[in-house]
Amino acid sequence: MDIFDGIKNTKGKKKSITISLDSELYNSITELAKLLGVEKALIARTVVNNARNIIAKRIEQEQKNNKDIKD
């Protein structure tokens, strides 16, 4: 299961990473929220923010690797 949808390139701004939660992940978040007694939104934000950070680090690493290859 891949929650990474893609990167949107906006003119003159930072690229934004779009992430969608599929139904299986959403259902898991719902169950976890019930077990922990917290709101789904809190868990969903945490999952999405962590995914964005991981994706951003991968992109940075790829860019660094591409730059190293060119040099």
C-alpha atoms as a PDB file:
ATOM      1  CA  MET A   1       0.000   0.000   0.000  1.00  0.00           C
ATOM      2  CA  ASP A   2       1.423   3.320  -1.060  1.00  0.00           C
ATOM      3  CA  ILE A   3      -0.038   6.507   0.409  1.00  0.00           C
ATOM      4  CA  PHE A   4       2.184   8.765  -1.680  1.00  0.00           C
ATOM      5  CA  ASP A   5       0.167  10.325  -4.517  1.00  0.00           C
ATOM      6  CA  GLY A   6       2.680  12.681  -5.978  1.00  0.00           C
ATOM      7  CA  ILE A   7       4.359  16.031  -5.848  1.00  0.00           C
ATOM      8  CA  LYS A   8       2.649  19.155  -7.066  1.00  0.00           C
ATOM      9  CA  ASN A   9       4.957  21.747  -8.547  1.00  0.00           C
ATOM     10  CA  THR A  10       3.644  25.227  -7.856  1.00  0.00           C
ATOM     11  CA  LYS A  11       5.131  28.225  -9.612  1.00  0.00           C
ATOM     12  CA  GLY A  12       7.636  30.054  -7.441  1.00  0.00           C
ATOM     13  CA  LYS A  13       6.653  28.144  -4.335  1.00  0.00           C
ATOM     14  CA  LYS A  14       7.867  25.055  -2.579  1.00  0.00           C
ATOM     15  CA  LYS A  15       6.658  21.789  -3.984  1.00  0.00           C
ATOM     16  CA  SER A  16       3.806  20.321  -2.007  1.00  0.00           C
ATOM     17  CA  ILE A  17       3.435  16.633  -1.330  1.00  0.00           C
ATOM     18  CA  THR A  18      -0.056  15.231  -1.736  1.00  0.00           C
ATOM     19  CA  ILE A  19      -0.985  12.210   0.315  1.00  0.00           C
ATOM     20  CA  SER A  20      -4.251  10.288   0.293  1.00  0.00           C
ATOM     21  CA  LEU A  21      -5.352   7.725   2.803  1.00  0.00           C
ATOM     22  CA  ASP A  22      -6.810   4.598   1.251  1.00  0.00           C
ATOM     23  CA  SER A  23      -9.784   2.936   2.917  1.00  0.00           C
ATOM     24  CA  GLU A  24      -7.663   0.243   4.611  1.00  0.00           C
ATOM     25  CA  LEU A  25      -5.396   2.810   6.251  1.00  0.00           C
ATOM     26  CA  TYR A  26      -8.358   5.001   7.158  1.00  0.00           C
ATOM     27  CA  ASN A  27     -10.105   2.050   8.813  1.00  0.00           C
ATOM     28  CA  SER A  28      -6.927   1.236  10.743  1.00  0.00           C
ATOM     29  CA  ILE A  29      -6.706   4.821  11.950  1.00  0.00           C
ATOM     30  CA  THR A  30     -10.356   4.677  13.020  1.00  0.00           C
ATOM     31  CA  GLU A  31      -9.784   1.500  15.034  1.00  0.00           C
ATOM     32  CA  LEU A  32      -6.627   2.881  16.639  1.00  0.00           C
ATOM     33  CA  ALA A  33      -8.437   6.084  17.581  1.00  0.00           C
ATOM     34  CA  LYS A  34     -11.188   4.056  19.247  1.00  0.00           C
ATOM     35  CA  LEU A  35      -8.662   1.986  21.192  1.00  0.00           C
ATOM     36  CA  LEU A  36      -6.697   5.024  22.337  1.00  0.00           C
ATOM     37  CA  GLY A  37      -9.740   7.185  22.952  1.00  0.00           C
ATOM     38  CA  VAL A  38      -8.528  10.042  20.784  1.00  0.00           C
ATOM     39  CA  GLU A  39      -9.858  11.770  17.683  1.00  0.00           C
ATOM     40  CA  LYS A  40      -9.200  10.220  14.273  1.00  0.00           C
ATOM     41  CA  ALA A  41      -7.922  13.550  13.021  1.00  0.00           C
ATOM     42  CA  LEU A  42      -5.063  13.526  15.520  1.00  0.00           C
ATOM     43  CA  ILE A  43      -3.829  10.128  14.354  1.00  0.00           C
ATOM     44  CA  ALA A  44      -4.433  10.921  10.674  1.00  0.00           C
ATOM     45  CA  ARG A  45      -2.419  14.151  10.947  1.00  0.00           C
ATOM     46  CA  THR A  46       0.420  12.284  12.615  1.00  0.00           C
ATOM     47  CA  VAL A  47       0.434   9.579   9.930  1.00  0.00           C
ATOM     48  CA  VAL A  48       0.306  12.109   7.090  1.00  0.00           C
ATOM     49  CA  ASN A  49       2.952  14.381   8.613  1.00  0.00           C
ATOM     50  CA  ASN A  50       5.308  11.451   9.161  1.00  0.00           C
ATOM     51  CA  ALA A  51       4.736  10.276   5.591  1.00  0.00           C
ATOM     52  CA  ARG A  52       5.469  13.772   4.259  1.00  0.00           C
ATOM     53  CA  ASN A  53       8.700  13.924   6.254  1.00  0.00           C
ATOM     54  CA  ILE A  54       9.828  10.525   4.989  1.00  0.00           C
ATOM     55  CA  ILE A  55       9.009  11.437   1.386  1.00  0.00           C
ATOM     56  CA  ALA A  56      10.772  14.805   1.677  1.00  0.00           C
ATOM     57  CA  LYS A  57      13.901  13.108   3.038  1.00  0.00           C
ATOM     58  CA  ARG A  58      13.858  10.599   0.161  1.00  0.00           C
ATOM     59  CA  ILE A  59      13.520  13.410  -2.367  1.00  0.00           C
ATOM     60  CA  GLU A  60      16.391  15.329  -0.775  1.00  0.00           C
ATOM     61  CA  GLN A  61      18.555  12.198  -0.819  1.00  0.00           C
ATOM     62  CA  GLU A  62      17.735  11.543  -4.483  1.00  0.00           C
ATOM     63  CA  GLN A  63      18.566  15.146  -5.378  1.00  0.00           C
ATOM     64  CA  LYS A  64      21.850  14.878  -3.473  1.00  0.00           C
ATOM     65  CA  ASN A  65      22.679  11.593  -5.200  1.00  0.00           C
ATOM     66  CA  ASN A  66      21.868  13.091  -8.612  1.00  0.00           C
ATOM     67  CA  LYS A  67      24.059  16.105  -7.859  1.00  0.00           C
ATOM     68  CA  ASP A  68      26.920  13.833  -6.740  1.00  0.00           C
ATOM     69  CA  ILE A  69      26.648  11.832  -9.955  1.00  0.00           C
ATOM     70  CA  LYS A  70      26.827  15.023 -12.066  1.00  0.00           C
ATOM     71  CA  ASP A  71      29.909  16.278 -10.184  1.00  0.00           C
END
